[in-house]
N, C-alpha and C. Protein backbone atom coordinates (compact mmCIF):
# COMPACT_ATOMS: atom_id res chain seq x y z
N MET A 1 0.74 -1.33 -0.21
CA MET A 1 0.13 0.02 -0.15
C MET A 1 0.83 1.27 0.11
N SER A 2 1.64 1.19 0.75
CA SER A 2 2.80 2.23 0.75
C SER A 2 3.47 2.72 -0.59
N ALA A 3 3.95 1.61 -1.54
CA ALA A 3 4.46 1.83 -2.64
C ALA A 3 3.64 2.37 -3.51
N LYS A 4 2.37 2.06 -3.33
CA LYS A 4 1.19 2.79 -4.36
C LYS A 4 1.07 4.08 -3.76
N LEU A 5 0.96 4.23 -2.47
CA LEU A 5 0.87 5.79 -2.25
C LEU A 5 2.16 6.73 -2.52
N SER A 6 3.47 5.90 -2.36
CA SER A 6 4.55 6.90 -3.10
C SER A 6 4.54 7.27 -4.62
N LEU A 7 3.74 6.23 -5.33
CA LEU A 7 3.84 6.22 -6.78
C LEU A 7 3.12 7.59 -7.15
N VAL A 8 1.94 7.58 -6.53
CA VAL A 8 0.98 8.35 -6.50
C VAL A 8 1.34 9.91 -6.05
N LEU A 9 2.00 10.06 -5.13
CA LEU A 9 2.34 11.09 -4.59
C LEU A 9 3.65 11.61 -5.19
N LEU A 10 4.47 10.90 -5.91
CA LEU A 10 5.53 11.21 -6.81
C LEU A 10 4.89 11.75 -8.42
N ALA A 11 3.86 11.02 -8.71
CA ALA A 11 3.37 11.42 -10.01
C ALA A 11 2.48 12.86 -9.65
N ALA A 12 2.06 12.93 -8.31
CA ALA A 12 1.51 14.41 -8.27
C ALA A 12 2.65 15.50 -8.39
N LEU A 13 3.69 14.88 -7.58
CA LEU A 13 4.85 16.14 -7.25
C LEU A 13 5.47 16.28 -8.59
N MET A 14 5.62 15.33 -9.52
CA MET A 14 6.07 15.64 -10.97
C MET A 14 5.05 16.54 -11.69
N THR A 15 3.83 16.30 -11.33
CA THR A 15 3.09 16.96 -12.36
C THR A 15 3.03 18.72 -11.64
N SER A 16 3.30 18.56 -10.50
CA SER A 16 3.29 19.97 -9.94
C SER A 16 4.38 20.71 -10.30
N ALA A 17 5.65 19.94 -10.40
CA ALA A 17 6.66 20.57 -10.95
C ALA A 17 6.67 20.81 -12.36
N LEU A 18 5.99 20.21 -13.23
CA LEU A 18 6.00 20.64 -14.57
C LEU A 18 5.10 21.80 -14.52
N TYR A 19 4.00 21.84 -13.88
CA TYR A 19 2.83 22.82 -13.97
C TYR A 19 3.77 24.23 -13.60
N LEU A 20 4.73 24.23 -12.41
CA LEU A 20 5.09 24.97 -12.00
C LEU A 20 5.98 25.71 -12.95
N VAL A 21 6.93 25.11 -13.85
CA VAL A 21 7.77 25.18 -14.67
C VAL A 21 7.11 26.16 -15.88
N HIS A 22 5.91 25.48 -16.46
CA HIS A 22 5.13 25.85 -17.34
C HIS A 22 4.80 27.38 -16.91
N VAL A 23 4.04 27.65 -15.88
CA VAL A 23 3.78 28.68 -15.25
C VAL A 23 4.78 29.69 -15.30
N GLN A 24 5.72 29.27 -14.88
CA GLN A 24 6.89 30.42 -14.85
C GLN A 24 7.18 30.91 -16.35
N TYR A 25 7.26 30.08 -17.12
CA TYR A 25 7.57 30.22 -18.64
C TYR A 25 6.75 31.10 -19.04
N GLU A 26 5.38 30.76 -18.89
CA GLU A 26 4.10 31.48 -19.33
C GLU A 26 3.95 33.14 -18.82
N SER A 27 4.79 33.23 -17.55
CA SER A 27 4.95 34.47 -16.95
C SER A 27 5.92 35.19 -17.39
N ARG A 28 7.20 34.68 -17.71
CA ARG A 28 8.29 35.31 -18.42
C ARG A 28 7.65 35.63 -19.67
N ARG A 29 6.78 34.98 -20.48
CA ARG A 29 6.90 35.20 -21.92
C ARG A 29 5.89 36.63 -21.81
N LEU A 30 4.71 36.59 -20.90
CA LEU A 30 3.75 37.58 -20.99
C LEU A 30 4.33 39.23 -20.33
N PHE A 31 5.37 38.82 -19.43
CA PHE A 31 6.07 40.03 -18.95
C PHE A 31 6.94 40.56 -20.23
N ALA A 32 7.39 39.73 -20.91
CA ALA A 32 8.32 40.27 -21.99
C ALA A 32 7.53 40.61 -23.24
N GLU A 33 6.01 40.55 -23.58
CA GLU A 33 5.07 41.06 -23.94
C GLU A 33 4.78 42.29 -23.66
N ILE A 34 4.42 42.43 -22.10
CA ILE A 34 4.21 43.56 -21.67
C ILE A 34 5.27 44.77 -22.04
N ASP A 35 6.75 44.42 -21.79
CA ASP A 35 7.83 45.35 -22.13
C ASP A 35 7.63 45.59 -23.85
N ARG A 36 7.24 44.57 -24.61
CA ARG A 36 7.63 45.07 -25.88
C ARG A 36 5.98 46.04 -25.96
N ALA A 37 5.11 45.67 -25.52
CA ALA A 37 4.02 46.70 -25.60
C ALA A 37 4.06 48.06 -25.23
N GLY A 38 4.84 48.18 -24.15
CA GLY A 38 4.94 49.26 -23.36
C GLY A 38 5.96 49.95 -24.35
N ALA A 39 6.97 49.17 -25.19
CA ALA A 39 7.91 50.00 -26.12
C ALA A 39 7.18 50.82 -27.15
N GLU A 40 6.20 50.07 -27.67
CA GLU A 40 5.46 50.19 -28.82
C GLU A 40 4.64 51.57 -28.47
N ALA A 41 4.05 51.50 -27.10
CA ALA A 41 3.31 52.63 -26.47
C ALA A 41 4.06 53.88 -26.78
N ARG A 42 5.33 53.91 -26.03
CA ARG A 42 6.26 55.02 -26.12
C ARG A 42 6.22 55.47 -27.47
N ARG A 43 6.59 54.69 -28.28
CA ARG A 43 7.01 55.05 -29.89
C ARG A 43 5.79 55.62 -30.38
N LEU A 44 4.63 54.86 -30.43
CA LEU A 44 3.45 55.74 -30.87
C LEU A 44 3.18 57.19 -30.29
N GLU A 45 3.50 57.04 -28.95
CA GLU A 45 3.46 58.52 -28.54
C GLU A 45 3.92 59.48 -28.95
N SER A 46 5.37 59.16 -29.01
CA SER A 46 6.57 60.15 -29.76
C SER A 46 6.02 59.99 -31.11
N GLU A 47 5.57 59.40 -31.97
CA GLU A 47 4.87 59.69 -33.31
C GLU A 47 3.71 60.51 -33.48
N ARG A 48 3.03 60.48 -32.32
CA ARG A 48 1.72 61.18 -32.18
C ARG A 48 2.42 62.65 -32.01
N VAL A 49 3.16 63.09 -31.10
CA VAL A 49 3.75 64.47 -30.89
C VAL A 49 4.14 64.92 -31.91
N ARG A 50 5.16 64.17 -32.80
CA ARG A 50 5.75 64.40 -33.83
C ARG A 50 4.81 64.96 -34.92
N LEU A 51 3.81 64.21 -34.97
CA LEU A 51 2.77 64.23 -36.11
C LEU A 51 1.84 65.69 -35.51
N GLU A 52 1.62 65.54 -34.32
CA GLU A 52 0.84 67.21 -34.10
C GLU A 52 1.70 68.35 -34.45
N VAL A 53 3.00 68.34 -34.25
CA VAL A 53 3.98 69.29 -34.48
C VAL A 53 3.84 69.50 -35.95
N GLU A 54 3.91 68.50 -36.60
CA GLU A 54 3.98 68.94 -37.87
C GLU A 54 2.45 69.39 -38.71
N LYS A 55 1.53 68.97 -37.93
CA LYS A 55 0.20 69.47 -38.38
C LYS A 55 -0.23 70.85 -37.94
N ARG A 56 0.41 71.26 -36.67
CA ARG A 56 0.64 72.97 -36.15
C ARG A 56 1.37 73.57 -37.49
N ASP A 57 2.40 73.03 -37.68
CA ASP A 57 3.41 73.69 -38.71
C ASP A 57 2.85 73.92 -39.93
N ALA A 58 2.10 72.83 -40.39
CA ALA A 58 1.66 72.82 -41.81
C ALA A 58 0.21 73.58 -41.75
N ALA A 59 -0.49 74.00 -40.85
CA ALA A 59 -1.61 74.74 -40.61
C ALA A 59 -1.68 76.28 -40.26
N THR A 60 -0.19 76.70 -39.98
CA THR A 60 -0.05 78.07 -39.78
C THR A 60 -0.39 78.84 -41.32
N SER A 61 -1.00 80.05 -41.03
CA SER A 61 -1.51 81.05 -42.01
C SER A 61 -0.22 81.21 -43.32
N LEU A 62 0.89 81.35 -42.52
CA LEU A 62 1.94 81.95 -43.40
C LEU A 62 2.31 80.59 -44.57
N ARG A 63 2.27 79.06 -44.01
CA ARG A 63 2.67 78.30 -44.74
C ARG A 63 1.49 78.17 -45.58
N VAL A 64 0.34 78.40 -45.16
CA VAL A 64 -0.93 78.24 -46.21
C VAL A 64 -0.76 79.36 -47.48
N GLU A 65 -0.60 80.35 -47.12
CA GLU A 65 -0.48 81.39 -48.01
C GLU A 65 0.80 81.05 -48.97
N THR A 66 1.86 80.89 -48.47
CA THR A 66 3.13 79.97 -49.27
C THR A 66 2.72 78.98 -50.39
N LEU A 67 2.19 78.01 -49.85
CA LEU A 67 1.59 76.73 -50.66
C LEU A 67 0.78 77.75 -51.83
N ALA A 68 -0.33 78.45 -51.12
CA ALA A 68 -1.48 78.74 -52.23
C ALA A 68 -0.44 79.71 -53.61
N ARG A 69 0.34 80.35 -52.85
CA ARG A 69 1.15 81.50 -54.18
C ARG A 69 1.98 80.44 -54.95
N GLN A 70 2.88 79.79 -54.35
CA GLN A 70 3.74 78.50 -55.34
C GLN A 70 2.78 77.59 -56.05
N LYS A 71 2.22 76.71 -55.60
CA LYS A 71 1.47 75.66 -56.02
C LYS A 71 0.36 75.98 -56.82
N LEU A 72 -0.61 77.09 -56.38
CA LEU A 72 -1.84 77.06 -56.79
C LEU A 72 -1.81 78.46 -57.67
N SER A 73 -0.42 78.94 -57.64
CA SER A 73 -0.45 80.17 -58.37
C SER A 73 -1.36 81.40 -57.99
N MET A 74 -1.62 81.38 -56.81
CA MET A 74 -2.87 82.47 -56.27
C MET A 74 -2.11 83.43 -55.79
N ARG A 75 -2.92 84.70 -55.90
CA ARG A 75 -2.28 86.09 -55.28
C ARG A 75 -3.46 86.73 -54.46
N SER A 76 -2.73 87.67 -53.66
CA SER A 76 -3.55 88.07 -52.84
C SER A 76 -4.30 89.17 -53.46
N ILE A 77 -5.69 89.67 -52.81
CA ILE A 77 -6.48 90.50 -53.41
C ILE A 77 -6.28 91.94 -53.59
N THR A 78 -6.50 92.95 -54.32
CA THR A 78 -6.26 94.51 -54.23
C THR A 78 -7.38 94.81 -54.86
N PRO A 79 -7.61 96.04 -54.37
CA PRO A 79 -8.75 96.69 -55.16
C PRO A 79 -8.69 97.17 -56.56
N ALA A 80 -7.31 96.75 -57.30
CA ALA A 80 -7.24 97.03 -58.39
C ALA A 80 -7.61 95.87 -59.41
N ILE A 81 -7.76 94.79 -58.76
CA ILE A 81 -8.16 93.40 -59.49
C ILE A 81 -9.49 93.02 -58.88
N THR A 82 -10.13 93.53 -58.08
CA THR A 82 -11.27 93.26 -57.89
C THR A 82 -12.50 93.46 -58.67
N GLU A 83 -13.33 92.50 -59.07
CA GLU A 83 -14.48 93.04 -59.86
C GLU A 83 -15.57 93.07 -59.09
N TYR A 84 -16.73 93.90 -59.44
CA TYR A 84 -17.84 93.94 -58.62
C TYR A 84 -18.85 93.59 -59.58
N VAL A 85 -19.74 92.66 -58.98
CA VAL A 85 -20.79 92.05 -59.96
C VAL A 85 -22.10 92.70 -59.28
N THR A 86 -23.12 93.39 -60.24
CA THR A 86 -24.61 93.74 -59.81
C THR A 86 -25.62 93.00 -60.43
N SER A 87 -26.47 93.06 -59.81
CA SER A 87 -27.69 92.20 -60.63
C SER A 87 -28.56 93.11 -61.05
N LYS A 88 -29.02 92.99 -62.46
CA LYS A 88 -29.95 93.60 -63.11
C LYS A 88 -31.35 93.71 -62.52
N GLU A 89 -31.60 92.68 -61.66
CA GLU A 89 -32.84 92.73 -60.90
C GLU A 89 -32.87 93.52 -59.95
N GLY A 90 -31.89 93.84 -58.99
CA GLY A 90 -31.70 94.87 -57.86
C GLY A 90 -32.01 93.83 -56.88
N ALA A 91 -31.97 94.44 -55.58
CA ALA A 91 -31.89 93.71 -54.33
C ALA A 91 -33.47 93.78 -54.12
N ARG A 92 -33.91 92.66 -53.62
CA ARG A 92 -35.17 92.46 -53.14
C ARG A 92 -35.09 92.39 -51.65
């Protein structure tokens, strides 16, 4: 009877040891994954800040005016080139 009990306890001990090793491995794997996710979050935050700075830079009125002049060949309005349109029907 004692031999059977010893074998059962030995099997339980081995199962417990294997489970402990598995849990430690899984814990290390998850910790490494958390580290990678944290690094990715820091990288994305840095990218977001950089893009916000670029967005603010691109939205300045001077930048918009420069692009309008260079790429769209637009010019500022002056009274000399302003045309007034009047309606034949008049205002109602």
